[in-house]
Amino acid sequence: MVGKGTFEPGWKWSKHVKPLANTKSCEAPHFQYHVSGTLHIVMDDGTEKDIKAGEVSSLPTGHYAWVVGNEPVIVIDFQGMVDYAKQSAKK
């Protein structure tokens, strides 16, 4: 399933998705084209990077992110949308 994600300024995985997913970090892998904005990614191992408009990202499980700045982040996701933000059975 290919999906389009729009994340407004102020969006944070920890605030907007973590309560739904009930996991430490995002467990859905993503392969995305970034149409606009800047997304800051932190991997579970502590690696950090910014991904900007025009770039492609391949994110394995175990990451979280937030929007940097005042421009919405728009991504086209070719992997991961099926499982994105689904509630986990983990407690």
C-alpha atoms as a PDB file:
ATOM      1  CA  MET A   1       0.000   0.000   0.000  1.00  0.00           C
ATOM      2  CA  VAL A   2       1.355   3.411  -0.960  1.00  0.00           C
ATOM      3  CA  GLY A   3       0.321   6.246   1.315  1.00  0.00           C
ATOM      4  CA  LYS A   4       0.691   9.986   1.656  1.00  0.00           C
ATOM      5  CA  GLY A   5       1.481  11.382   5.073  1.00  0.00           C
ATOM      6  CA  THR A   6       1.105  15.016   6.068  1.00  0.00           C
ATOM      7  CA  PHE A   7       2.609  16.076   9.384  1.00  0.00           C
ATOM      8  CA  GLU A   8       1.908  19.609  10.539  1.00  0.00           C
ATOM      9  CA  PRO A   9       4.384  21.820  12.421  1.00  0.00           C
ATOM     10  CA  GLY A  10       4.503  20.671  16.042  1.00  0.00           C
ATOM     11  CA  TRP A  11       3.846  17.021  15.138  1.00  0.00           C
ATOM     12  CA  LYS A  12       5.856  14.511  17.185  1.00  0.00           C
ATOM     13  CA  TRP A  13       5.667  10.732  17.034  1.00  0.00           C
ATOM     14  CA  SER A  14       5.953  10.557  20.828  1.00  0.00           C
ATOM     15  CA  LYS A  15       2.932  12.824  21.280  1.00  0.00           C
ATOM     16  CA  HIS A  16       0.662  11.925  18.376  1.00  0.00           C
ATOM     17  CA  VAL A  17       1.347   8.247  17.618  1.00  0.00           C
ATOM     18  CA  LYS A  18       3.045   6.616  20.596  1.00  0.00           C
ATOM     19  CA  PRO A  19      -0.183   6.597  22.674  1.00  0.00           C
ATOM     20  CA  LEU A  20      -1.930   4.734  19.836  1.00  0.00           C
ATOM     21  CA  ALA A  21       0.894   2.341  18.997  1.00  0.00           C
ATOM     22  CA  ASN A  22       1.745   1.615  22.637  1.00  0.00           C
ATOM     23  CA  THR A  23       5.385   0.926  21.663  1.00  0.00           C
ATOM     24  CA  LYS A  24       8.704   2.562  22.603  1.00  0.00           C
ATOM     25  CA  SER A  25       9.251   3.690  19.012  1.00  0.00           C
ATOM     26  CA  CYS A  26       7.780   3.185  15.541  1.00  0.00           C
ATOM     27  CA  GLU A  27       7.798  -0.471  14.552  1.00  0.00           C
ATOM     28  CA  ALA A  28       6.684   0.114  10.964  1.00  0.00           C
ATOM     29  CA  PRO A  29       9.525   0.279   8.426  1.00  0.00           C
ATOM     30  CA  HIS A  30       9.243   3.116   5.918  1.00  0.00           C
ATOM     31  CA  PHE A  31      10.562   3.777   2.416  1.00  0.00           C
ATOM     32  CA  GLN A  32       9.582   7.368   1.682  1.00  0.00           C
ATOM     33  CA  TYR A  33       9.987  10.224  -0.751  1.00  0.00           C
ATOM     34  CA  HIS A  34       9.912  13.540   1.102  1.00  0.00           C
ATOM     35  CA  VAL A  35       7.855  16.115  -0.791  1.00  0.00           C
ATOM     36  CA  SER A  36       8.164  19.022   1.652  1.00  0.00           C
ATOM     37  CA  GLY A  37       9.433  20.059   5.058  1.00  0.00           C
ATOM     38  CA  THR A  38      12.093  18.618   7.350  1.00  0.00           C
ATOM     39  CA  LEU A  39      11.653  15.538   9.523  1.00  0.00           C
ATOM     40  CA  HIS A  40      14.115  14.830  12.340  1.00  0.00           C
ATOM     41  CA  ILE A  41      14.612  11.089  12.883  1.00  0.00           C
ATOM     42  CA  VAL A  42      16.080   9.387  15.951  1.00  0.00           C
ATOM     43  CA  MET A  43      16.823   5.671  15.769  1.00  0.00           C
ATOM     44  CA  ASP A  44      16.641   3.448  18.865  1.00  0.00           C
ATOM     45  CA  ASP A  45      20.461   3.194  18.761  1.00  0.00           C
ATOM     46  CA  GLY A  46      20.711   6.995  19.121  1.00  0.00           C
ATOM     47  CA  THR A  47      21.573   7.781  15.493  1.00  0.00           C
ATOM     48  CA  GLU A  48      19.925  11.050  14.396  1.00  0.00           C
ATOM     49  CA  LYS A  49      19.384  12.725  11.040  1.00  0.00           C
ATOM     50  CA  ASP A  50      17.258  15.323   9.304  1.00  0.00           C
ATOM     51  CA  ILE A  51      15.460  14.337   6.125  1.00  0.00           C
ATOM     52  CA  LYS A  52      14.445  17.185   3.827  1.00  0.00           C
ATOM     53  CA  ALA A  53      12.260  17.772   0.787  1.00  0.00           C
ATOM     54  CA  GLY A  54      13.523  15.975  -2.307  1.00  0.00           C
ATOM     55  CA  GLU A  55      15.234  13.208  -0.322  1.00  0.00           C
ATOM     56  CA  VAL A  56      14.399   9.523  -0.044  1.00  0.00           C
ATOM     57  CA  SER A  57      14.556   7.724   3.289  1.00  0.00           C
ATOM     58  CA  SER A  58      14.607   4.065   4.208  1.00  0.00           C
ATOM     59  CA  LEU A  59      13.814   3.638   7.890  1.00  0.00           C
ATOM     60  CA  PRO A  60      13.875   0.253   9.595  1.00  0.00           C
ATOM     61  CA  THR A  61      11.798  -0.461  12.672  1.00  0.00           C
ATOM     62  CA  GLY A  62      12.902   1.301  15.837  1.00  0.00           C
ATOM     63  CA  HIS A  63      12.706   5.033  15.150  1.00  0.00           C
ATOM     64  CA  TYR A  64      10.740   8.112  16.097  1.00  0.00           C
ATOM     65  CA  ALA A  65      10.482  11.534  14.513  1.00  0.00           C
ATOM     66  CA  TRP A  66       9.217  15.087  14.688  1.00  0.00           C
ATOM     67  CA  VAL A  67       8.641  18.003  12.326  1.00  0.00           C
ATOM     68  CA  VAL A  68      11.374  20.637  12.302  1.00  0.00           C
ATOM     69  CA  GLY A  69      10.335  24.223  11.591  1.00  0.00           C
ATOM     70  CA  ASN A  70       7.109  25.761  10.380  1.00  0.00           C
ATOM     71  CA  GLU A  71       6.564  23.881   7.116  1.00  0.00           C
ATOM     72  CA  PRO A  72       4.388  20.751   6.998  1.00  0.00           C
ATOM     73  CA  VAL A  73       6.206  17.526   6.184  1.00  0.00           C
ATOM     74  CA  ILE A  74       4.621  15.634   3.311  1.00  0.00           C
ATOM     75  CA  VAL A  75       5.887  12.155   2.453  1.00  0.00           C
ATOM     76  CA  ILE A  76       4.921   9.477  -0.029  1.00  0.00           C
ATOM     77  CA  ASP A  77       5.459   6.174   1.775  1.00  0.00           C
ATOM     78  CA  PHE A  78       5.978   3.036  -0.300  1.00  0.00           C
ATOM     79  CA  GLN A  79       6.351   0.736   2.715  1.00  0.00           C
ATOM     80  CA  GLY A  80       4.926   0.825   6.202  1.00  0.00           C
ATOM     81  CA  MET A  81       1.571   2.525   5.740  1.00  0.00           C
ATOM     82  CA  VAL A  82      -0.286  -0.735   6.316  1.00  0.00           C
ATOM     83  CA  ASP A  83       1.044  -0.951   9.887  1.00  0.00           C
ATOM     84  CA  TYR A  84       1.530   2.751  10.650  1.00  0.00           C
ATOM     85  CA  ALA A  85      -0.110   3.996  13.853  1.00  0.00           C
ATOM     86  CA  LYS A  86      -1.943   0.764  14.526  1.00  0.00           C
ATOM     87  CA  GLN A  87      -2.537  -0.102  18.122  1.00  0.00           C
ATOM     88  CA  SER A  88      -0.163  -2.714  19.451  1.00  0.00           C
ATOM     89  CA  ALA A  89      -1.238  -5.577  21.662  1.00  0.00           C
ATOM     90  CA  LYS A  90       1.905  -4.998  23.768  1.00  0.00           C
ATOM     91  CA  LYS A  91       1.265  -3.659  27.252  1.00  0.00           C
END
